[in-house]
Amino acid sequence: MTAATATRTSAATAAAAARETVEVDAVLEPVPALPRSRAEVRQPVDGPGSGSTEDARKAFGSGRARPARASLSPGRRAWLRFRSNRRGWISLWIFVAIFGLSLFAELLSNDRPLVAHYEGQLYWPLWNFYPETTFGGDFHTRTDWHDPFIVEQMSKDGNWAIWPPNRYSFDTINYFAASPNPAPPSAENLLGTDDRGRDVLARLLYGFRLSVLFGLALTTIGVVAGVLAGAVQGYFGGRLDLAFQRFIEVWSAIPELYLLLILAAMFEPSVWILLVILSLFGWMG
């Protein structure tokens, strides 16, 4: 080996050692620790280019500290996600307010007074039945409080009645209306009347309550029946599970619309009949 060759070998070895030393130093160089809390970020740092408290607020967002996502349950995360939707949150409160009012529909919209005072006695027409003869009428039938004769009797001295804000129920037909039906909105009927003379506002109020309660009842029945059916199948298993599953497949294949038409022809249509029929099919979903 010549001297030149030895020199080149020594130089290459020294260069490789230097590169390894630089790489090791780079790996072992300490990394600045990340802030563990909002308080550490807010602390000022000495030296040029250090971030201010305002920068820390912008980085982490202002407001209350949020709980760690990993420690939240799925239901809690879904609730927080829903609350972050402003339109959905406001709509929920509007729905709750309207539904709460509809629960007291009889006190807000009714064709009978809440309380009446006639010839020195108090009457509660909203809760009790009083014939027309009680207030000077000729027939032993339910008092029509929109009858001009009854209105005249209650307007005499000493007689009075406290009415709900809207003086019509969902099925009230005003036979003494001033305009033909369907009537446009007026001071007496805020949303007008339908083609039969029934108050639209009253029907909306009562119909909203009925629709919401019907949906809640149908959902509750379906969930309870479905959970019980699934629990029975899962607990016993075997042939019972197979037979139950085949029954569900056959039952779900029955056309629900035709069954509704058949039962509607057999029974008088009502909310309860409709609830039973829909519950027979709703629990399989």
Protein backbone atom coordinates (compact mmCIF):
# COMPACT_ATOMS: atom_id res chain seq x y z
CA MET A 1 0.00 0.00 0.00
CA THR A 2 1.45 3.38 -1.02
CA ALA A 3 1.49 6.48 1.13
CA ALA A 4 -1.14 8.20 -1.06
CA THR A 5 -3.51 5.28 -0.70
CA ALA A 6 -3.08 5.25 3.07
CA THR A 7 -3.68 8.98 3.24
CA ARG A 8 -6.92 8.70 1.24
CA THR A 9 -8.14 5.85 3.45
CA SER A 10 -7.44 7.81 6.62
CA ALA A 11 -9.25 10.88 5.25
CA ALA A 12 -12.34 8.84 4.31
CA THR A 13 -12.42 7.20 7.75
CA ALA A 14 -12.17 10.59 9.48
CA ALA A 15 -14.98 12.05 7.33
CA ALA A 16 -17.29 9.12 8.10
CA ALA A 17 -16.61 9.46 11.82
CA ALA A 18 -17.37 13.18 11.66
CA ARG A 19 -20.70 12.55 9.92
CA GLU A 20 -21.71 9.97 12.53
CA THR A 21 -20.83 12.42 15.31
CA VAL A 22 -23.02 15.14 13.75
CA GLU A 23 -25.96 12.74 13.31
CA VAL A 24 -25.72 11.52 16.90
CA ASP A 25 -25.60 15.11 18.19
CA ALA A 26 -28.66 15.97 16.12
CA VAL A 27 -30.57 13.01 17.52
CA LEU A 28 -29.56 13.74 21.11
CA GLU A 29 -30.33 17.44 20.87
CA PRO A 30 -33.07 18.25 23.43
CA VAL A 31 -36.51 19.05 21.96
CA PRO A 32 -38.40 21.94 23.58
CA ALA A 33 -41.33 20.62 25.63
CA LEU A 34 -44.85 21.41 24.45
CA PRO A 35 -47.09 23.38 26.81
CA ARG A 36 -49.14 21.06 28.99
CA SER A 37 -51.86 23.53 29.93
CA ARG A 38 -53.38 26.85 28.95
CA ALA A 39 -51.66 28.53 31.91
CA GLU A 40 -48.18 27.64 30.59
CA VAL A 41 -49.03 29.06 27.19
CA ARG A 42 -50.18 32.33 28.74
CA GLN A 43 -46.85 32.79 30.58
CA PRO A 44 -44.65 35.31 28.74
CA VAL A 45 -41.38 34.01 27.34
CA ASP A 46 -38.24 36.17 27.46
CA GLY A 47 -36.43 36.96 24.30
CA PRO A 48 -37.23 38.31 20.89
CA GLY A 49 -40.06 36.68 18.95
CA SER A 50 -41.77 35.33 22.05
CA GLY A 51 -45.57 34.92 21.80
CA SER A 52 -47.91 37.12 23.80
CA THR A 53 -50.92 36.14 25.88
CA GLU A 54 -53.21 37.27 23.08
CA ASP A 55 -51.45 34.93 20.65
CA ALA A 56 -51.94 32.06 23.10
CA ARG A 57 -55.65 32.83 23.32
CA LYS A 58 -55.93 32.80 19.56
CA ALA A 59 -54.09 29.50 19.38
CA PHE A 60 -56.20 27.74 21.98
CA GLY A 61 -59.46 29.70 21.59
CA SER A 62 -61.17 31.85 24.18
CA GLY A 63 -63.80 30.62 26.58
CA ARG A 64 -64.07 27.88 29.15
CA ALA A 65 -61.76 24.91 29.05
CA ARG A 66 -63.22 22.01 27.14
CA PRO A 67 -63.09 18.48 28.55
CA ALA A 68 -60.89 15.99 26.81
CA ARG A 69 -62.70 14.20 24.00
CA ALA A 70 -61.25 10.84 24.97
CA SER A 71 -62.92 10.98 28.40
CA LEU A 72 -66.41 11.75 27.03
CA SER A 73 -69.05 9.11 26.44
CA PRO A 74 -70.56 8.74 22.94
CA GLY A 75 -73.83 10.24 24.13
CA ARG A 76 -72.06 13.22 25.66
CA ARG A 77 -70.06 13.81 22.48
CA ALA A 78 -73.25 13.66 20.40
CA TRP A 79 -74.94 16.15 22.74
CA LEU A 80 -72.02 18.58 22.55
CA ARG A 81 -71.95 18.24 18.79
CA PHE A 82 -75.68 19.02 18.66
CA ARG A 83 -75.31 22.04 20.94
CA SER A 84 -72.61 23.43 18.67
CA ASN A 85 -75.25 23.58 15.91
CA ARG A 86 -76.88 26.92 16.64
CA ARG A 87 -79.87 26.45 14.35
CA GLY A 88 -80.61 23.01 15.71
CA TRP A 89 -80.32 24.22 19.32
CA ILE A 90 -82.70 27.15 18.73
CA SER A 91 -85.13 24.92 16.83
CA LEU A 92 -85.19 22.48 19.75
CA TRP A 93 -86.27 25.21 22.16
CA ILE A 94 -88.91 26.48 19.74
CA PHE A 95 -90.28 22.95 19.41
CA VAL A 96 -90.30 22.45 23.20
CA ALA A 97 -92.09 25.77 23.72
CA ILE A 98 -94.81 25.03 21.15
CA PHE A 99 -95.28 21.50 22.44
CA GLY A 100 -95.53 22.79 26.00
CA LEU A 101 -98.26 25.22 24.94
CA SER A 102 -100.12 22.50 23.06
CA LEU A 103 -100.30 20.40 26.23
CA PHE A 104 -102.60 23.08 27.64
CA ALA A 105 -104.64 23.45 24.45
CA GLU A 106 -107.96 23.26 26.32
CA LEU A 107 -106.97 26.29 28.39
CA LEU A 108 -105.79 28.26 25.36
CA SER A 109 -108.39 27.41 22.73
CA ASN A 110 -111.88 26.23 23.64
CA ASP A 111 -115.49 26.96 22.80
CA ARG A 112 -116.48 26.97 26.48
CA PRO A 113 -115.56 29.54 29.14
CA LEU A 114 -113.09 28.60 31.85
CA VAL A 115 -115.47 29.94 34.48
CA ALA A 116 -118.88 31.63 34.22
CA HIS A 117 -120.94 33.64 36.69
CA TYR A 118 -124.69 33.55 36.10
CA GLU A 119 -127.34 34.89 38.48
CA GLY A 120 -125.08 34.79 41.50
CA GLN A 121 -123.60 31.31 40.95
CA LEU A 122 -120.27 30.16 39.56
CA TYR A 123 -120.13 27.55 36.82
CA TRP A 124 -117.16 25.66 35.37
CA PRO A 125 -118.17 24.81 31.79
CA LEU A 126 -114.72 23.55 30.85
CA TRP A 127 -114.92 20.66 33.33
CA ASN A 128 -118.67 20.13 33.80
CA PHE A 129 -121.69 19.70 31.54
CA TYR A 130 -124.42 22.30 31.86
CA PRO A 131 -127.59 22.14 29.74
CA GLU A 132 -128.90 25.18 27.97
CA THR A 133 -131.79 25.43 30.42
CA THR A 134 -129.29 26.38 33.16
CA PHE A 135 -128.72 29.70 31.43
CA GLY A 136 -132.30 30.44 30.41
CA GLY A 137 -132.53 28.28 27.29
CA ASP A 138 -135.37 26.02 26.18
CA PHE A 139 -133.59 22.72 25.48
CA HIS A 140 -131.86 20.24 27.75
CA THR A 141 -128.82 20.01 25.45
CA ARG A 142 -125.23 21.11 25.67
CA THR A 143 -124.93 24.87 25.87
CA ASP A 144 -123.74 26.55 22.69
CA TRP A 145 -121.81 29.50 24.07
CA HIS A 146 -121.71 31.13 20.64
CA ASP A 147 -125.50 31.17 20.43
CA PRO A 148 -126.65 34.83 20.31
CA PHE A 149 -129.26 34.12 23.01
CA ILE A 150 -126.64 32.73 25.43
CA VAL A 151 -124.29 35.61 24.60
CA GLU A 152 -127.08 38.05 25.45
CA GLN A 153 -127.84 36.25 28.71
CA MET A 154 -124.19 36.37 29.81
CA SER A 155 -123.92 40.07 28.94
CA LYS A 156 -126.60 41.11 31.42
CA ASP A 157 -125.66 42.90 34.63
CA GLY A 158 -123.97 40.61 37.15
CA ASN A 159 -123.27 37.86 34.62
CA TRP A 160 -119.81 37.34 33.17
CA ALA A 161 -117.53 34.67 31.75
CA ILE A 162 -113.76 34.23 31.48
CA TRP A 163 -112.81 32.84 28.09
CA PRO A 164 -109.61 31.26 26.76
CA PRO A 165 -107.54 33.46 24.40
CA ASN A 166 -109.10 31.67 21.41
CA ARG A 167 -112.83 30.98 21.72
CA TYR A 168 -112.91 27.93 19.45
CA SER A 169 -112.06 24.27 19.83
CA PHE A 170 -110.76 22.01 17.08
CA ASP A 171 -114.26 20.80 16.13
CA THR A 172 -116.27 23.96 16.79
CA ILE A 173 -118.48 25.01 13.89
CA ASN A 174 -119.61 28.59 14.19
CA TYR A 175 -123.09 28.64 12.68
CA PHE A 176 -123.39 32.33 13.42
CA ALA A 177 -120.27 33.53 11.58
CA ALA A 178 -120.49 36.88 9.83
CA SER A 179 -118.68 35.74 6.66
CA PRO A 180 -119.01 32.54 4.58
CA ASN A 181 -116.57 29.69 4.91
CA PRO A 182 -113.73 29.27 4.31
CA ALA A 183 -113.15 32.69 5.84
CA PRO A 184 -109.91 34.71 5.73
CA PRO A 185 -108.02 35.64 8.91
CA SER A 186 -109.84 38.11 11.13
CA ALA A 187 -109.87 39.38 14.69
CA GLU A 188 -112.24 36.56 15.65
CA ASN A 189 -110.41 33.80 13.75
CA LEU A 190 -106.72 34.71 13.65
CA LEU A 191 -105.88 32.16 10.95
CA GLY A 192 -109.31 32.03 9.36
CA THR A 193 -111.62 29.03 9.04
CA ASP A 194 -111.72 25.96 6.83
CA ASP A 195 -114.48 25.00 4.40
CA ARG A 196 -116.64 23.71 7.27
CA GLY A 197 -116.26 26.79 9.45
CA ARG A 198 -113.76 25.33 11.93
CA ASP A 199 -111.06 27.57 13.37
CA VAL A 200 -107.68 26.86 11.74
CA LEU A 201 -105.60 28.03 14.72
CA ALA A 202 -107.43 25.70 17.11
CA ARG A 203 -107.01 22.76 14.74
CA LEU A 204 -103.29 23.46 14.39
CA LEU A 205 -102.82 23.62 18.16
CA TYR A 206 -104.72 20.41 18.88
CA GLY A 207 -103.32 18.64 15.82
CA PHE A 208 -99.72 19.45 16.76
CA ARG A 209 -100.18 17.92 20.20
CA LEU A 210 -101.83 14.83 18.78
CA SER A 211 -99.12 14.33 16.15
CA VAL A 212 -96.23 14.63 18.61
CA LEU A 213 -97.82 12.38 21.23
CA PHE A 214 -98.74 9.85 18.55
CA GLY A 215 -95.15 9.74 17.29
CA LEU A 216 -93.74 9.38 20.81
CA ALA A 217 -96.18 6.59 21.67
CA LEU A 218 -95.49 4.74 18.41
CA THR A 219 -91.73 5.00 18.91
CA THR A 220 -91.93 3.83 22.53
CA ILE A 221 -94.09 0.82 21.65
CA GLY A 222 -91.82 -0.12 18.75
CA VAL A 223 -88.63 0.11 20.80
CA VAL A 224 -90.02 -1.87 23.75
CA ALA A 225 -91.51 -4.60 21.54
CA GLY A 226 -88.37 -4.85 19.41
CA VAL A 227 -86.03 -5.07 22.40
CA LEU A 228 -88.18 -7.74 24.05
CA ALA A 229 -88.38 -9.79 20.85
CA GLY A 230 -84.63 -9.57 20.34
CA ALA A 231 -83.95 -10.47 23.97
CA VAL A 232 -86.15 -13.58 23.74
CA GLN A 233 -84.43 -14.69 20.54
CA GLY A 234 -80.97 -14.09 21.93
CA TYR A 235 -81.64 -15.74 25.29
CA PHE A 236 -83.25 -18.96 24.07
CA GLY A 237 -81.69 -19.21 20.62
CA GLY A 238 -81.87 -22.45 18.69
CA ARG A 239 -85.16 -23.40 17.06
CA LEU A 240 -87.06 -20.62 18.78
CA ASP A 241 -84.70 -18.07 17.28
CA LEU A 242 -85.06 -19.57 13.80
CA ALA A 243 -88.86 -19.82 14.04
CA PHE A 244 -89.15 -16.26 15.34
CA GLN A 245 -86.93 -14.96 12.55
CA ARG A 246 -88.99 -16.71 9.89
CA PHE A 247 -92.15 -15.25 11.44
CA ILE A 248 -90.63 -11.75 11.27
CA GLU A 249 -89.77 -12.23 7.60
CA VAL A 250 -93.29 -13.39 6.74
CA TRP A 251 -94.95 -10.67 8.83
CA SER A 252 -92.82 -7.91 7.34
CA ALA A 253 -93.79 -9.07 3.83
CA ILE A 254 -97.48 -8.30 4.45
CA PRO A 255 -98.46 -5.07 2.61
CA GLU A 256 -99.18 -2.61 5.40
CA LEU A 257 -101.23 -0.24 3.26
CA TYR A 258 -103.75 -2.90 2.22
CA LEU A 259 -104.10 -4.05 5.83
CA LEU A 260 -104.84 -0.47 6.85
CA LEU A 261 -107.56 -0.22 4.21
CA ILE A 262 -109.12 -3.52 5.28
CA LEU A 263 -109.17 -2.65 8.98
CA ALA A 264 -110.45 0.86 8.24
CA ALA A 265 -113.42 -0.73 6.48
CA MET A 266 -114.04 -3.08 9.40
CA PHE A 267 -113.67 -0.59 12.28
CA GLU A 268 -114.51 3.04 12.78
CA PRO A 269 -111.33 5.03 12.02
CA SER A 270 -109.70 6.42 15.14
CA VAL A 271 -106.30 7.31 16.52
CA TRP A 272 -106.18 4.18 18.66
CA ILE A 273 -106.90 1.85 15.74
CA LEU A 274 -104.18 3.54 13.70
CA LEU A 275 -101.72 3.30 16.61
CA VAL A 276 -102.36 -0.43 17.04
CA ILE A 277 -101.98 -1.16 13.33
CA LEU A 278 -98.75 0.81 12.94
CA SER A 279 -97.35 -0.73 16.14
CA LEU A 280 -97.87 -4.22 14.70
CA PHE A 281 -95.33 -3.41 11.99
CA GLY A 282 -93.18 -0.69 13.56
CA TRP A 283 -91.32 -2.90 16.05
CA MET A 284 -89.52 -4.84 13.28
CA GLY A 285 -87.66 -1.82 11.92
